[in-house]
Each structure stands twice: as C-alpha cells, then as structure tokens.
Amino acid sequence: MYQLHNYQKQLVQQARSELAHGKQSILIQSPAGSGKSVIIAEIARLTVSKGGYVLFMVHRKELVEQITDSFKENNVDLSHCTIMTVGKIKNQLDKLPKPSLIITDETHHSLAKTYRDIYKHYSDVPRIGFTATPWRMNGKGFRDVYDSMVMGPSVKWLIDHQYLAPFKYYSVKLVDVEKLKKSSTGDYTNKSMDDAIGKTIFGDVVNTYKTKANGEQAIVYAHSVEYSKITANSFNEAGIKAAHADAKTSPTQRKQIMRDFKTGKIKVLCNVDLISEGFNVPDCSTVILLRPTASLVLFIQQSMRSMRYKTGKIATIIDHVANYTRFGLPDSPHDWTLDDRDKKKKGRKDDAPAIKTCEKCFRVVPGHCSICPFCGFEFEVAQAEIQENKKAKIEKIGEFRMTTDYKNNQYGKMKLDEAASVEDLYKIAKARGYKPGWAYMNAKRMGMLG
C-alpha cells in the first residue's frame, strides 16, 4: 500500500472537502512527476472502502494497464472498479455498473465530445479529473466541465523539497523557427516542421549530447519517424548505442527496447510522440527536444521526462528547436485557471517569461542577466552604456563588445592556430567583433568539442 507524501495527502483531502461541500466536479492540477497515479489510487481506495464504485477513464489503453497495477499496489478492490478507455466506456454506457465516482486521467482532453457524452450520461455522479496542465491550444477553459480546481505544489517547490530533480537547460538551435506554420489544431504542421528542420546536421545533435550529457541515458523527441531514425543512426555511427521507437513499433519490440534502455544497453532512445503521456518508460537523466511544438502540454510532458527525482541527480534538457522561447522553462510559473485564456491579449510571446540563451555555454538564463551566471559571458551592452563609451569607440557586434582598436588587443592579434582552447577562440571572436558562432564552428573544426 502506498505511503503518500504530505502534499499528496493534502490534495486528496482538499478534493474530498470540495465534494463534501457540494461541488460536483473537481479538477486536480499537479505537476508532471509529482505522483499523480499514487493520488488517484488513494482516492479510489477510499471510495471503494466505503462501498463506492469507481469508473476510471483515460484516452490510451497503456494507461489502463498502468493504473490497474497502481490500484493493485494500493489494495483497491478491482471488483468495484471499471478501468477503461474513453471509447470503450462510450460504447458500453448502458451495460456498465453505475459508478459513485468518476476519475478522469489526463483530463486536459476532457472537452472532447466523447468525454462530455459520458459526463452527461452520468450527470448526477461526482467526478474528479487529473492533469499537470489545464491548458488547451485553442484557449478554451474547463469551466463547462469542472466546478472547482485544487492546485498542487509548484515545480519549483517540488525541486526545492527534493521531489523533482533540478535541471540544466541548454538551447542549441538547429532549426529555422520562422518556417513553422500552425495547423487548424493549433500545433505546427508536419510539413512546416520538415521545412524548419530541413538539412539539420545530426552530427551536431550528437556532439551537443557528448559535450553536455555524455554517457547519460537520454530520450530524444523527434517530429517524424524519418528524423527519429536518422537521429538514432547518427548516434550509432558515433559509437553511442541508440534505438528508435514509435506508435507502430510492435509491443514485443518496444518492450525489448525499453528493457535495453533501462539496463543501459541502449543509451539514447529516439521516439515520435510516444514517450509523453500514456507510456511508462525507464528513468532517464537527459531529454533532447527535436520536435517543435506550440502545445504547452506537450512541452511540459517532454521536457520534464528527465526530472524524476533521484538522490544527486541533475537533469539535462537540450532544446534544439527553441521551445523554451514559447513557454519558458519547466519551473516557470503558470496561472492555471478553469476560465478561457484571452488569446488576443498582447504582451509576451505565447507563455514565455523573459529568458535568453547564452551564446557561449548555451545555458538558458533569466532575461535580466548581463553576465551569464554559468560561464561569465557578457551579454550585449545597454544602449546607455554604448553612448557613454563613444570615446572608446565601443560598438555592438552581435552580442559581444568590440573596440575598433582590437589590433592592440592580445587576442585580436592572436592567430587562429595559436588558440589553445575553446576559451581562446571566444576571446578572439570577442576581440575581433565576430559572432559566437565563429568560435563555436572553429572549435568543432579543430576538435576541441569532442
């Protein structure tokens, strides 16, 4: 039987209190990795122990198996439960036992007609829904489905209290985000993702992994089967064992891949929208984002996959598609609400806070930083400072400071083949007014990045 953490007990108590005070439908929001299945199993156990009957519904069959196992581990009497996918429930409404409580997992899907038909059929039955992200791309809220929302702890709180792993977030952009176009569903079209990713040098994906997370278990999220397979091949060619899996991979083969990934035989697992919601996979410490998305739900599910807590663990997130510019970081705060979002509201782009990428170490840092707290790189000089230093003839080149008298600078006079380190190359770039990419590309060419 599960032993709940205090914050999990509090969520259970709050939900039960809302129902006791006349609320018919409660949405429980709690971050990815916060132990949602444990909370669900405890609510089911308490309901069944008092003679109730639970109807558990979700959109994927894989979650049926997972929650069944969770119910068994928490001593829930399965003879008083129906655990099914939404589609199967809809087709058997007149045959299933009437529940005393409906539990919906991944309830950000619950605005769909099939869910609402089930809720209408059991209009007098109280229900509880769970999600890490009460958010829809069309801006529609959940007020039509839920009366009340109970909020779990923030991602930051869970990290600070050692329930989620802290993380390092890198952004090494390899795509042309200007080519991304949205479909009628709100996310990017496959064709525009193909165009944006284009002729990406997948060796750069491998090299970034080697410099930022070498040897760590990593999950790669690609936007298509073709690109996922190319990525896996690139890792294999570099001597790093990798495998590809997607929704059409046979269950037998998928299980073998997961076993090999868990034991470390496979270091890098490449997939297409497979390892997000609905699939239980072994722990990893690194995720690599190669799939652009306009969905906050998908971003959180994928970026936080590496943040399951383990003593001493620091998760690594490598974002090659600039998803952070749309949504911020995994621990960025969100104003969750049951109400509709005003999609016409002007201000920040999508839901992203003010953050930026360091062009030297590629860490994502707060937007107010003038110096990278991780590597010491100096960001662009403020316009006022440029004006004050006119006499020194300091100019803004890219995001570096450059004096027109660079030939008198030690690094301005240094020849390229005299550079002994990556640091030297960045100092040469700074002295000459070159952009950081010059130093990065020469460091790669000279074998300094591994």
Protein backbone atom coordinates (compact mmCIF):
# COMPACT_ATOMS: atom_id res chain seq x y z
CA MET A 1 0.00 0.00 0.00
CA TYR A 2 1.25 3.48 -0.86
CA GLN A 3 2.57 5.91 1.73
CA LEU A 4 1.61 9.34 0.46
CA HIS A 5 3.77 12.43 0.90
CA ASN A 6 2.18 15.26 2.87
CA TYR A 7 1.44 17.35 -0.24
CA GLN A 8 -0.27 14.32 -1.83
CA LYS A 9 -2.39 13.75 1.29
CA GLN A 10 -3.35 17.41 1.21
CA LEU A 11 -4.55 17.17 -2.39
CA VAL A 12 -6.70 14.14 -1.51
CA GLN A 13 -8.17 15.95 1.50
CA GLN A 14 -8.86 19.13 -0.46
CA ALA A 15 -10.65 17.24 -3.23
CA ARG A 16 -12.80 15.29 -0.75
CA SER A 17 -13.61 18.51 1.10
CA GLU A 18 -14.76 20.18 -2.12
CA LEU A 19 -17.08 17.26 -2.86
CA ALA A 20 -18.38 17.27 0.72
CA HIS A 21 -19.25 20.95 0.37
CA GLY A 22 -21.43 20.40 -2.66
CA LYS A 23 -19.06 20.64 -5.60
CA GLN A 24 -19.96 18.09 -8.28
CA SER A 25 -16.74 18.07 -10.29
CA ILE A 26 -13.17 18.79 -9.17
CA LEU A 27 -10.07 19.21 -11.30
CA ILE A 28 -6.80 18.37 -9.52
CA GLN A 29 -3.76 20.07 -11.05
CA SER A 30 -0.37 18.67 -10.02
CA PRO A 31 2.94 18.87 -11.93
CA ALA A 32 4.37 16.06 -14.05
CA GLY A 33 6.35 13.67 -11.88
CA SER A 34 4.52 14.60 -8.67
CA GLY A 35 2.99 11.15 -8.18
CA LYS A 36 -0.41 11.53 -9.79
CA SER A 37 -1.07 7.77 -10.01
CA VAL A 38 -0.47 7.43 -6.27
CA ILE A 39 -3.07 10.13 -5.54
CA ILE A 40 -5.57 8.54 -7.94
CA ALA A 41 -5.10 5.13 -6.35
CA GLU A 42 -5.65 6.54 -2.86
CA ILE A 43 -8.87 8.32 -3.86
CA ALA A 44 -10.09 5.09 -5.46
CA ARG A 45 -9.20 3.07 -2.34
CA LEU A 46 -11.07 5.46 -0.04
CA THR A 47 -14.12 5.43 -2.33
CA VAL A 48 -14.26 1.64 -2.62
CA SER A 49 -13.58 1.09 1.09
CA LYS A 50 -16.80 2.96 1.85
CA GLY A 51 -18.84 0.81 -0.51
CA GLY A 52 -18.50 3.02 -3.58
CA TYR A 53 -17.85 2.08 -7.19
CA VAL A 54 -15.18 3.82 -9.28
CA LEU A 55 -15.22 4.45 -13.03
CA PHE A 56 -11.69 5.31 -14.19
CA MET A 57 -11.36 6.65 -17.71
CA VAL A 58 -8.44 7.69 -19.88
CA HIS A 59 -7.68 8.12 -23.58
CA ARG A 60 -4.92 5.49 -24.04
CA LYS A 61 -5.00 1.76 -23.36
CA GLU A 62 -1.45 1.82 -21.99
CA LEU A 63 -2.68 3.92 -19.06
CA VAL A 64 -5.35 1.33 -18.30
CA GLU A 65 -2.62 -1.20 -17.57
CA GLN A 66 -0.62 1.26 -15.51
CA ILE A 67 -3.49 2.42 -13.30
CA THR A 68 -4.65 -1.18 -12.82
CA ASP A 69 -1.21 -2.00 -11.42
CA SER A 70 -1.34 1.11 -9.20
CA PHE A 71 -4.77 0.12 -7.85
CA LYS A 72 -3.50 -3.37 -7.02
CA GLU A 73 -0.45 -1.98 -5.22
CA ASN A 74 -2.73 0.26 -3.14
CA ASN A 75 -5.11 -2.57 -2.19
CA VAL A 76 -8.04 -1.26 -4.23
CA ASP A 77 -10.75 -3.90 -4.73
CA LEU A 78 -10.89 -4.12 -8.52
CA SER A 79 -14.29 -5.82 -8.41
CA HIS A 80 -15.65 -2.38 -7.51
CA CYS A 81 -13.92 -0.59 -10.37
CA THR A 82 -14.31 -0.16 -14.11
CA ILE A 83 -10.99 0.82 -15.71
CA MET A 84 -11.35 1.55 -19.43
CA THR A 85 -10.51 3.87 -22.27
CA VAL A 86 -13.00 6.61 -23.06
CA GLY A 87 -14.01 4.99 -26.35
CA LYS A 88 -14.88 1.66 -24.76
CA ILE A 89 -16.86 3.33 -21.99
CA LYS A 90 -18.87 5.38 -24.50
CA ASN A 91 -19.84 2.19 -26.36
CA GLN A 92 -20.97 0.39 -23.18
CA LEU A 93 -22.76 3.08 -21.21
CA ASP A 94 -25.95 1.04 -20.85
CA LYS A 95 -24.07 -2.09 -19.74
CA LEU A 96 -21.57 -0.80 -17.17
CA PRO A 97 -22.36 -0.60 -13.44
CA LYS A 98 -23.29 2.92 -12.38
CA PRO A 99 -20.34 4.49 -10.55
CA SER A 100 -20.41 6.58 -7.41
CA LEU A 101 -17.28 8.44 -8.54
CA ILE A 102 -15.77 9.07 -11.98
CA ILE A 103 -11.99 9.61 -12.16
CA THR A 104 -10.53 11.01 -15.40
CA ASP A 105 -6.79 10.98 -16.03
CA GLU A 106 -5.09 13.40 -18.47
CA THR A 107 -8.27 15.43 -18.22
CA HIS A 108 -6.98 18.24 -20.41
CA HIS A 109 -8.58 16.07 -23.14
CA SER A 110 -11.99 16.15 -21.45
CA LEU A 111 -13.51 18.91 -23.55
CA ALA A 112 -13.81 16.39 -26.39
CA LYS A 113 -17.32 15.21 -27.23
CA THR A 114 -16.80 11.58 -26.14
CA TYR A 115 -15.87 12.64 -22.61
CA ARG A 116 -18.74 15.07 -22.38
CA ASP A 117 -21.22 12.47 -23.59
CA ILE A 118 -20.11 10.19 -20.74
CA TYR A 119 -20.36 13.02 -18.20
CA LYS A 120 -23.85 13.84 -19.47
CA HIS A 121 -24.94 10.21 -19.18
CA TYR A 122 -23.78 10.17 -15.54
CA SER A 123 -24.86 13.73 -14.83
CA ASP A 124 -25.66 13.01 -11.18
CA VAL A 125 -22.31 11.28 -10.47
CA PRO A 126 -19.48 13.35 -8.91
CA ARG A 127 -16.18 13.31 -10.76
CA ILE A 128 -12.52 14.15 -10.24
CA GLY A 129 -10.09 14.87 -13.07
CA PHE A 130 -6.29 14.98 -13.04
CA THR A 131 -3.83 16.89 -15.18
CA ALA A 132 -0.48 18.64 -14.89
CA THR A 133 -1.62 21.18 -17.48
CA PRO A 134 -5.20 22.50 -17.57
CA TRP A 135 -4.46 24.21 -20.88
CA ARG A 136 -5.77 23.96 -24.43
CA MET A 137 -4.16 25.41 -27.56
CA ASN A 138 -7.48 26.97 -28.61
CA GLY A 139 -7.63 28.90 -25.33
CA LYS A 140 -10.82 27.18 -24.19
CA GLY A 141 -11.14 26.75 -20.44
CA PHE A 142 -12.59 23.89 -18.40
CA ARG A 143 -15.37 25.75 -16.63
CA ASP A 144 -18.01 23.80 -18.60
CA VAL A 145 -16.62 20.51 -17.27
CA TYR A 146 -15.39 21.31 -13.74
CA ASP A 147 -16.86 23.36 -10.88
CA SER A 148 -13.65 23.74 -8.91
CA MET A 149 -9.89 23.32 -9.17
CA VAL A 150 -7.47 22.11 -6.50
CA MET A 151 -3.89 23.22 -7.07
CA GLY A 152 -0.86 21.08 -6.29
CA PRO A 153 2.60 22.43 -5.40
CA SER A 154 4.66 24.28 -7.99
CA VAL A 155 7.51 22.65 -9.90
CA LYS A 156 9.95 24.93 -8.10
CA TRP A 157 8.61 23.82 -4.70
CA LEU A 158 8.92 20.17 -5.69
CA ILE A 159 12.53 20.74 -6.78
CA ASP A 160 13.40 22.70 -3.63
CA HIS A 161 11.93 19.93 -1.44
CA GLN A 162 13.59 17.08 -3.38
CA TYR A 163 10.51 15.61 -5.02
CA LEU A 164 11.74 16.53 -8.52
CA ALA A 165 15.31 16.73 -9.80
CA PRO A 166 16.89 20.12 -10.51
CA PHE A 167 17.80 20.70 -14.14
CA LYS A 168 20.22 22.32 -16.56
CA TYR A 169 18.53 23.72 -19.66
CA TYR A 170 20.52 24.24 -22.87
CA SER A 171 19.31 25.71 -26.13
CA VAL A 172 21.44 24.95 -29.19
CA LYS A 173 19.12 25.94 -32.01
CA LEU A 174 19.33 23.88 -35.19
CA VAL A 175 16.07 24.85 -36.89
CA ASP A 176 14.64 27.83 -38.73
CA VAL A 177 11.68 28.64 -36.47
CA GLU A 178 10.42 31.28 -38.90
CA LYS A 179 9.29 28.45 -41.20
CA LEU A 180 6.95 26.93 -38.58
CA LYS A 181 3.27 27.21 -39.50
CA LYS A 182 0.29 26.20 -37.40
CA SER A 183 -2.49 23.88 -38.49
CA SER A 184 -6.18 24.10 -37.63
CA THR A 185 -5.45 22.11 -34.45
CA GLY A 186 -3.11 24.83 -33.20
CA ASP A 187 0.16 22.88 -33.33
CA TYR A 188 2.71 23.07 -36.14
CA THR A 189 2.10 21.19 -39.38
CA ASN A 190 4.34 18.26 -40.25
CA LYS A 191 5.35 19.95 -43.49
CA SER A 192 6.41 23.15 -41.76
CA MET A 193 8.42 21.14 -39.22
CA ASP A 194 10.11 19.34 -42.12
CA ASP A 195 10.90 22.71 -43.69
CA ALA A 196 12.13 24.22 -40.43
CA ILE A 197 14.41 21.32 -39.57
CA GLY A 198 15.49 20.92 -43.20
CA LYS A 199 19.04 19.71 -43.64
CA THR A 200 19.89 19.70 -39.96
CA ILE A 201 23.37 18.32 -39.32
CA PHE A 202 22.52 15.48 -36.97
CA GLY A 203 26.16 15.18 -36.04
CA ASP A 204 25.62 18.46 -34.18
CA VAL A 205 22.89 16.77 -32.12
CA VAL A 206 25.34 14.02 -31.22
CA ASN A 207 28.18 16.45 -30.45
CA THR A 208 25.96 18.56 -28.20
CA TYR A 209 24.95 15.42 -26.30
CA LYS A 210 28.63 14.47 -25.94
CA THR A 211 29.60 17.88 -24.59
CA LYS A 212 26.60 18.39 -22.30
CA ALA A 213 25.48 14.91 -21.21
CA ASN A 214 28.00 12.34 -22.41
CA GLY A 215 27.18 8.82 -21.20
CA GLU A 216 23.79 9.76 -19.71
CA GLN A 217 20.57 7.93 -20.53
CA ALA A 218 18.77 10.21 -22.99
CA ILE A 219 15.36 10.35 -24.66
CA VAL A 220 15.11 12.18 -28.00
CA TYR A 221 11.77 13.63 -29.11
CA ALA A 222 11.58 13.93 -32.92
CA HIS A 223 8.71 15.21 -35.04
CA SER A 224 8.68 12.38 -37.60
CA VAL A 225 9.67 8.74 -37.94
CA GLU A 226 12.19 9.63 -40.63
CA TYR A 227 14.01 12.18 -38.49
CA SER A 228 13.86 9.95 -35.42
CA LYS A 229 15.53 7.12 -37.33
CA ILE A 230 18.15 9.47 -38.78
CA THR A 231 18.95 10.70 -35.28
CA ALA A 232 19.26 7.16 -33.93
CA ASN A 233 21.56 6.23 -36.83
CA SER A 234 23.72 9.29 -36.17
CA PHE A 235 24.23 8.25 -32.56
CA ASN A 236 25.01 4.67 -33.55
CA GLU A 237 27.54 5.83 -36.14
CA ALA A 238 29.24 7.84 -33.40
CA GLY A 239 29.55 4.72 -31.25
CA ILE A 240 26.67 5.61 -28.92
CA LYS A 241 24.08 2.83 -28.83
CA ALA A 242 20.67 4.18 -29.81
CA ALA A 243 17.28 2.85 -30.91
CA HIS A 244 14.12 4.25 -32.48
CA ALA A 245 10.53 3.53 -31.43
CA ASP A 246 7.16 4.92 -32.47
CA ALA A 247 3.48 4.03 -32.12
CA LYS A 248 3.77 1.39 -34.87
CA THR A 249 6.68 -0.41 -33.23
CA SER A 250 5.42 -3.85 -32.19
CA PRO A 251 4.67 -4.27 -28.46
CA THR A 252 7.26 -7.07 -28.23
CA GLN A 253 9.98 -4.98 -29.85
CA ARG A 254 9.02 -1.92 -27.81
CA LYS A 255 9.28 -3.85 -24.53
CA GLN A 256 12.71 -5.13 -25.51
CA ILE A 257 13.87 -1.60 -26.36
CA MET A 258 12.60 -0.34 -23.00
CA ARG A 259 14.38 -3.17 -21.17
CA ASP A 260 17.63 -2.43 -23.01
CA PHE A 261 17.25 1.27 -22.23
CA LYS A 262 16.62 0.54 -18.54
CA THR A 263 19.72 -1.65 -18.25
CA GLY A 264 21.87 0.86 -20.13
CA LYS A 265 22.46 -1.34 -23.15
CA ILE A 266 20.79 1.44 -25.13
CA LYS A 267 21.96 4.93 -24.18
CA VAL A 268 19.72 7.03 -26.42
CA LEU A 269 16.05 6.32 -27.12
CA CYS A 270 14.61 8.21 -30.11
CA ASN A 271 10.83 8.42 -30.49
CA VAL A 272 7.93 10.27 -32.10
CA ASP A 273 5.22 11.42 -29.64
CA LEU A 274 5.45 8.02 -27.98
CA ILE A 275 7.06 8.77 -24.64
CA SER A 276 4.87 11.58 -23.43
CA GLU A 277 1.53 10.82 -21.81
CA GLY A 278 0.37 7.24 -21.62
CA PHE A 279 3.68 5.38 -21.73
CA ASN A 280 5.64 4.20 -18.75
CA VAL A 281 9.36 4.23 -19.54
CA PRO A 282 12.53 3.74 -17.53
CA ASP A 283 14.11 6.72 -15.84
CA CYS A 284 16.49 8.96 -17.77
CA SER A 285 18.58 11.99 -16.88
CA THR A 286 18.58 13.75 -20.28
CA VAL A 287 15.98 14.76 -22.83
CA ILE A 288 16.75 16.15 -26.28
CA LEU A 289 14.00 18.19 -27.93
CA LEU A 290 13.94 17.93 -31.72
CA ARG A 291 10.19 18.39 -32.09
CA PRO A 292 8.94 21.99 -32.25
CA THR A 293 5.55 22.39 -30.59
CA ALA A 294 3.02 25.11 -29.88
CA SER A 295 1.46 22.94 -27.16
CA LEU A 296 2.36 23.78 -23.55
CA VAL A 297 1.00 20.36 -22.57
CA LEU A 298 3.39 18.51 -24.87
CA PHE A 299 6.33 20.74 -23.94
CA ILE A 300 5.92 20.07 -20.21
CA GLN A 301 5.40 16.34 -20.67
CA GLN A 302 8.52 16.01 -22.81
CA SER A 303 10.90 18.47 -21.15
CA MET A 304 10.17 17.15 -17.63
CA ARG A 305 10.64 13.48 -18.52
CA SER A 306 14.19 13.64 -17.15
CA MET A 307 13.23 15.26 -13.85
CA ARG A 308 12.02 12.24 -11.86
CA TYR A 309 13.81 12.53 -8.54
CA LYS A 310 16.88 10.52 -7.61
CA THR A 311 19.45 11.44 -4.97
CA GLY A 312 22.22 13.54 -6.51
CA LYS A 313 20.59 13.67 -9.93
CA ILE A 314 20.67 16.81 -12.07
CA ALA A 315 18.52 16.56 -15.19
CA THR A 316 19.76 17.86 -18.53
CA ILE A 317 17.39 19.32 -21.12
CA ILE A 318 18.78 20.11 -24.57
CA ASP A 319 16.36 22.16 -26.67
CA HIS A 320 17.35 22.26 -30.36
CA VAL A 321 14.03 23.75 -31.53
CA ALA A 322 13.62 26.87 -29.34
CA ASN A 323 10.56 25.54 -27.49
CA TYR A 324 11.63 27.48 -24.39
CA THR A 325 11.06 30.77 -26.26
CA ARG A 326 7.36 29.93 -26.37
CA PHE A 327 6.84 28.51 -22.89
CA GLY A 328 9.78 29.30 -20.64
CA LEU A 329 11.42 26.64 -18.51
CA PRO A 330 9.86 23.62 -16.76
CA ASP A 331 9.79 25.52 -13.46
CA SER A 332 8.36 28.74 -14.92
CA PRO A 333 5.16 29.65 -13.02
CA HIS A 334 1.80 29.41 -14.77
CA ASP A 335 -1.51 31.00 -13.87
CA TRP A 336 -3.64 27.87 -14.14
CA THR A 337 -7.34 28.59 -14.35
CA LEU A 338 -10.63 26.96 -15.34
CA ASP A 339 -11.53 30.04 -17.37
CA ASP A 340 -10.85 30.72 -21.04
CA ARG A 341 -7.49 32.30 -21.96
CA ASP A 342 -7.55 35.58 -23.84
CA LYS A 343 -5.56 34.58 -26.93
CA LYS A 344 -5.73 38.14 -28.27
CA LYS A 345 -4.02 39.61 -25.20
CA LYS A 346 -0.89 41.43 -26.19
CA GLY A 347 2.41 41.03 -24.37
CA ARG A 348 4.82 38.17 -24.14
CA LYS A 349 5.10 35.72 -26.99
CA ASP A 350 2.92 32.74 -26.06
CA ASP A 351 3.57 31.87 -22.41
CA ALA A 352 7.30 32.50 -22.25
CA PRO A 353 8.89 34.61 -19.49
CA ALA A 354 11.89 36.85 -20.15
CA ILE A 355 14.74 34.41 -20.67
CA LYS A 356 17.55 34.06 -23.20
CA THR A 357 20.35 31.76 -24.32
CA CYS A 358 23.99 32.29 -23.52
CA GLU A 359 25.80 32.09 -26.83
CA LYS A 360 28.94 30.79 -25.17
CA CYS A 361 27.80 27.90 -22.96
CA PHE A 362 24.23 27.67 -24.40
CA ARG A 363 22.57 27.65 -20.97
CA VAL A 364 19.18 29.36 -20.81
CA VAL A 365 19.31 32.18 -18.26
CA PRO A 366 16.98 34.92 -16.92
CA GLY A 367 16.45 37.76 -19.36
CA HIS A 368 17.76 40.40 -16.95
CA CYS A 369 21.24 38.84 -16.75
CA SER A 370 24.04 40.99 -18.16
CA ILE A 371 26.57 38.25 -17.41
CA CYS A 372 25.90 34.52 -17.74
CA PRO A 373 25.93 33.08 -14.20
CA PHE A 374 27.32 29.78 -15.52
CA CYS A 375 30.24 30.80 -17.72
CA GLY A 376 30.75 34.54 -17.26
CA PHE A 377 29.83 35.53 -20.82
CA GLU A 378 28.92 39.24 -21.08
CA PHE A 379 25.65 39.95 -22.88
CA GLU A 380 25.00 42.97 -25.04
CA VAL A 381 25.97 46.37 -23.69
CA ALA A 382 23.00 48.56 -22.84
CA GLN A 383 22.39 51.43 -25.22
CA ALA A 384 23.10 53.96 -22.49
CA GLU A 385 26.48 52.37 -21.83
CA ILE A 386 27.31 52.49 -25.53
CA GLN A 387 26.58 56.20 -25.57
CA GLU A 388 28.75 56.78 -22.51
CA ASN A 389 31.65 54.96 -24.14
CA LYS A 390 31.58 56.69 -27.52
CA LYS A 391 35.10 57.97 -26.99
CA ALA A 392 36.39 54.43 -26.64
CA LYS A 393 34.61 53.64 -29.91
CA ILE A 394 32.89 50.56 -28.48
CA GLU A 395 30.47 49.05 -30.94
CA LYS A 396 27.77 46.40 -30.58
CA ILE A 397 28.54 43.41 -32.78
CA GLY A 398 26.10 40.55 -32.33
CA GLU A 399 26.07 40.13 -28.56
CA PHE A 400 29.74 40.92 -27.97
CA ARG A 401 31.60 44.11 -27.16
CA MET A 402 34.17 45.11 -29.74
CA THR A 403 36.60 48.00 -29.78
CA THR A 404 37.67 49.32 -33.16
CA ASP A 405 41.22 49.29 -31.80
CA TYR A 406 41.17 45.49 -31.48
CA LYS A 407 44.55 45.07 -33.18
CA ASN A 408 46.19 46.30 -29.98
CA ASN A 409 44.32 43.61 -28.03
CA GLN A 410 46.26 40.40 -27.18
CA TYR A 411 43.53 38.18 -28.62
CA GLY A 412 42.88 40.50 -31.52
CA LYS A 413 46.43 39.83 -32.69
CA MET A 414 46.36 36.09 -31.98
CA LYS A 415 46.31 33.78 -35.00
CA LEU A 416 43.65 31.09 -35.18
CA ASP A 417 46.13 28.21 -34.97
CA GLU A 418 47.59 29.77 -31.80
CA ALA A 419 44.33 29.22 -29.91
CA ALA A 420 44.91 26.54 -27.27
CA SER A 421 41.34 26.20 -26.03
CA VAL A 422 37.70 26.96 -26.73
CA GLU A 423 38.03 29.88 -24.30
CA ASP A 424 40.79 31.36 -26.50
CA LEU A 425 38.54 31.13 -29.55
CA TYR A 426 35.73 33.00 -27.81
CA LYS A 427 38.18 35.69 -26.70
CA ILE A 428 39.49 36.04 -30.27
CA ALA A 429 35.89 36.33 -31.50
CA LYS A 430 35.14 38.97 -28.89
CA ALA A 431 38.26 40.97 -29.71
CA ARG A 432 37.61 40.88 -33.45
CA GLY A 433 33.88 41.52 -33.19
CA TYR A 434 32.89 38.15 -34.59
CA LYS A 435 29.69 36.42 -33.55
CA PRO A 436 29.87 33.45 -31.12
CA GLY A 437 29.07 31.03 -33.94
CA TRP A 438 32.51 31.72 -35.42
CA ALA A 439 34.19 30.46 -32.25
CA TYR A 440 31.83 27.50 -31.96
CA MET A 441 32.33 26.34 -35.55
CA ASN A 442 36.13 26.68 -35.34
CA ALA A 443 36.15 24.82 -32.03
CA LYS A 444 34.28 21.97 -33.75
CA ARG A 445 36.61 22.03 -36.77
CA MET A 446 39.68 21.96 -34.52
CA GLY A 447 38.34 19.03 -32.48
CA MET A 448 38.00 21.00 -29.22
CA LEU A 449 34.40 19.95 -28.59
CA GLY A 450 35.00 16.21 -28.55
